Amino acid sequence: PGVGSHFDRHHTFVVRYKVGEDLGLDMHTDDSDVTFNVCLGKDFKGAGLQFCGDQGATDHRKASLQYQHRVGHCVVHRGHRRHGADDITEGERLNLIVWTRNIEYRRSRLWSKFNIQSRSSRYKRESEPPDPVCLSFTHNRDY
C-alpha cells in the first residue's frame, strides 16, 4: 500500500441543522485528510453543501459544485476542499461527520502542498475575482 492508503485516526460527530439555528455554516476546510458526510435524516429543505476550490490554490474561491443532501447518502471529499452549508429553509437535518487522517500522508509533500499553516507563501494569487458563494466572513480577511 502507498502513502495514505488507510486511515489511522478519526474524529466522528453529529451535526444538526434546524430552521433559525446553525445559520450559514461559513466556507471552511476540515481538519481531516478525507471527510465522510452522511445525511441521517429528518424532513428538510435547503441546506445544500457548496464546494469551492482547494485551500491555497488559485481557484480556492471559485465555485465547483453544489451538493444536495439525501437521507442515507454520503458525500466524501478531501479535507482541504473548501465547502460550506447553505441555510436550511424548512425542517431539520442530522448529519454524521467522520474526519479521517493518515499520519504517513500528513508527513508527505503532497499534504504540505495543501496545508497553508505549513507554508510561508500562504495563498496563491487568484486568477480572477472570487465567486460570492465562496467568500468566508470567518476565514477571508478581505471579505
Protein backbone atom coordinates (compact mmCIF):
# COMPACT_ATOMS: atom_id res chain seq x y z
CA PRO A 1 0.00 0.00 0.00
CA GLY A 2 1.06 3.56 -0.69
CA VAL A 3 1.09 6.71 1.41
CA GLY A 4 -2.41 7.45 2.64
CA SER A 5 -3.78 4.02 1.66
CA HIS A 6 -5.52 3.63 5.03
CA PHE A 7 -6.85 5.75 7.88
CA ASP A 8 -5.19 5.54 11.28
CA ARG A 9 -7.11 8.29 13.09
CA HIS A 10 -10.67 9.57 13.02
CA HIS A 11 -12.96 12.07 14.72
CA THR A 12 -16.69 11.41 14.46
CA PHE A 13 -19.60 13.66 15.43
CA VAL A 14 -23.21 14.51 14.54
CA VAL A 15 -24.36 17.96 13.44
CA ARG A 16 -27.92 19.21 13.47
CA TYR A 17 -29.35 21.85 11.17
CA LYS A 18 -32.70 23.41 12.02
CA VAL A 19 -34.53 26.49 10.76
CA GLY A 20 -33.36 29.52 12.75
CA GLU A 21 -30.34 27.67 14.19
CA ASP A 22 -26.83 27.00 12.86
CA LEU A 23 -27.29 29.61 10.17
CA GLY A 24 -24.71 29.88 7.39
CA LEU A 25 -22.00 27.37 8.19
CA ASP A 26 -19.34 29.57 6.65
CA MET A 27 -17.00 28.40 3.89
CA HIS A 28 -14.20 26.40 5.52
CA THR A 29 -11.88 23.40 5.29
CA ASP A 30 -11.85 20.39 7.60
CA ASP A 31 -9.07 19.17 9.87
CA SER A 32 -9.09 15.86 8.01
CA ASP A 33 -7.46 14.14 5.09
CA VAL A 34 -10.79 12.71 3.93
CA THR A 35 -14.25 13.64 5.24
CA PHE A 36 -17.32 11.40 5.12
CA ASN A 37 -20.61 13.32 5.50
CA VAL A 38 -23.68 11.05 5.86
CA CYS A 39 -27.19 12.51 5.85
CA LEU A 40 -29.04 10.68 8.65
CA GLY A 41 -32.36 12.22 8.03
CA LYS A 42 -35.45 14.01 9.12
CA ASP A 43 -37.51 16.08 6.70
CA PHE A 44 -35.81 19.21 5.40
CA LYS A 45 -35.44 21.61 2.50
CA GLY A 46 -32.41 23.70 1.61
CA ALA A 47 -29.08 23.37 3.38
CA GLY A 48 -27.14 22.33 0.30
CA LEU A 49 -23.40 21.91 0.52
CA GLN A 50 -21.43 24.30 -1.68
CA PHE A 51 -17.92 23.27 -2.76
CA CYS A 52 -15.20 25.64 -3.95
CA GLY A 53 -11.51 25.10 -4.78
CA ASP A 54 -8.69 23.53 -2.78
CA GLN A 55 -7.20 25.52 0.10
CA GLY A 56 -4.28 27.60 -1.15
CA ALA A 57 -4.97 27.08 -4.87
CA THR A 58 -5.53 29.95 -7.31
CA ASP A 59 -9.19 28.87 -7.59
CA HIS A 60 -9.82 28.40 -3.86
CA ARG A 61 -12.73 30.89 -4.01
CA LYS A 62 -14.29 29.61 -7.24
CA ALA A 63 -17.48 27.54 -7.00
CA SER A 64 -17.09 23.97 -8.24
CA LEU A 65 -20.19 22.02 -7.11
CA GLN A 66 -23.40 22.33 -5.13
CA TYR A 67 -24.41 19.07 -3.44
CA GLN A 68 -27.95 18.41 -2.19
CA HIS A 69 -28.10 16.05 0.77
CA ARG A 70 -30.36 12.98 0.55
CA VAL A 71 -31.22 10.78 3.51
CA GLY A 72 -28.98 7.70 3.62
CA HIS A 73 -26.41 9.09 1.18
CA CYS A 74 -22.81 10.04 1.93
CA VAL A 75 -20.67 12.70 0.28
CA VAL A 76 -16.92 12.10 0.51
CA HIS A 77 -14.36 14.87 0.00
CA ARG A 78 -10.79 15.75 0.86
CA GLY A 79 -10.39 17.90 3.95
CA HIS A 80 -8.58 20.72 2.13
CA ARG A 81 -11.52 21.25 -0.27
CA ARG A 82 -13.30 24.48 0.74
CA HIS A 83 -17.00 23.94 1.44
CA GLY A 84 -19.90 25.43 3.36
CA ALA A 85 -23.55 24.69 4.12
CA ASP A 86 -26.39 26.84 2.86
CA ASP A 87 -29.09 27.76 5.37
CA ILE A 88 -31.85 25.20 5.90
CA THR A 89 -35.20 26.60 4.77
CA GLU A 90 -37.57 24.03 6.25
CA GLY A 91 -37.44 21.21 8.81
CA GLU A 92 -34.41 19.64 10.43
CA ARG A 93 -31.43 17.62 9.17
CA LEU A 94 -28.91 15.44 11.01
CA ASN A 95 -25.53 14.53 9.53
CA LEU A 96 -22.88 12.10 10.73
CA ILE A 97 -19.43 13.58 10.05
CA VAL A 98 -16.30 11.42 10.06
CA TRP A 99 -12.93 13.15 9.74
CA THR A 100 -10.19 10.67 8.89
CA ARG A 101 -6.42 11.08 8.96
CA ASN A 102 -3.30 9.20 7.95
CA ILE A 103 -0.09 10.09 9.78
CA GLU A 104 2.18 8.95 6.93
CA TYR A 105 0.26 11.10 4.43
CA ARG A 106 0.50 14.11 6.79
CA ARG A 107 4.29 13.80 6.65
CA SER A 108 4.31 13.87 2.84
CA ARG A 109 4.98 16.75 0.43
CA LEU A 110 1.52 16.27 -1.08
CA TRP A 111 -0.16 17.03 2.24
CA SER A 112 2.03 20.10 2.87
CA LYS A 113 1.05 21.40 -0.59
CA PHE A 114 -2.49 21.95 0.73
CA ASN A 115 -1.74 22.75 4.36
CA ILE A 116 -1.50 26.55 4.49
CA GLN A 117 -0.16 26.61 8.06
CA SER A 118 2.97 24.71 6.98
CA ARG A 119 3.83 27.10 4.12
CA SER A 120 5.25 30.57 4.28
CA SER A 121 3.75 31.58 0.92
CA ARG A 122 0.13 31.32 2.10
CA TYR A 123 -2.50 31.53 -0.65
CA LYS A 124 -1.53 31.86 -4.30
CA ARG A 125 -2.75 34.90 -6.19
CA GLU A 126 -6.25 34.34 -7.53
CA SER A 127 -6.61 34.23 -11.30
CA GLU A 128 -9.94 36.11 -11.25
CA PRO A 129 -12.39 37.62 -8.74
CA PRO A 130 -13.92 35.17 -6.25
CA ASP A 131 -17.45 33.79 -6.53
CA PRO A 132 -19.58 35.37 -3.77
CA VAL A 133 -20.74 31.95 -2.53
CA CYS A 134 -17.08 31.04 -1.84
CA LEU A 135 -16.36 34.05 0.38
CA SER A 136 -15.99 33.45 4.10
CA PHE A 137 -16.75 36.09 6.69
CA THR A 138 -14.78 33.99 9.20
CA HIS A 139 -11.77 32.98 7.10
CA ASN A 140 -11.25 35.67 4.45
CA ARG A 141 -9.67 38.90 5.68
CA ASP A 142 -10.80 40.73 2.53
CA TYR A 143 -14.50 39.79 2.84
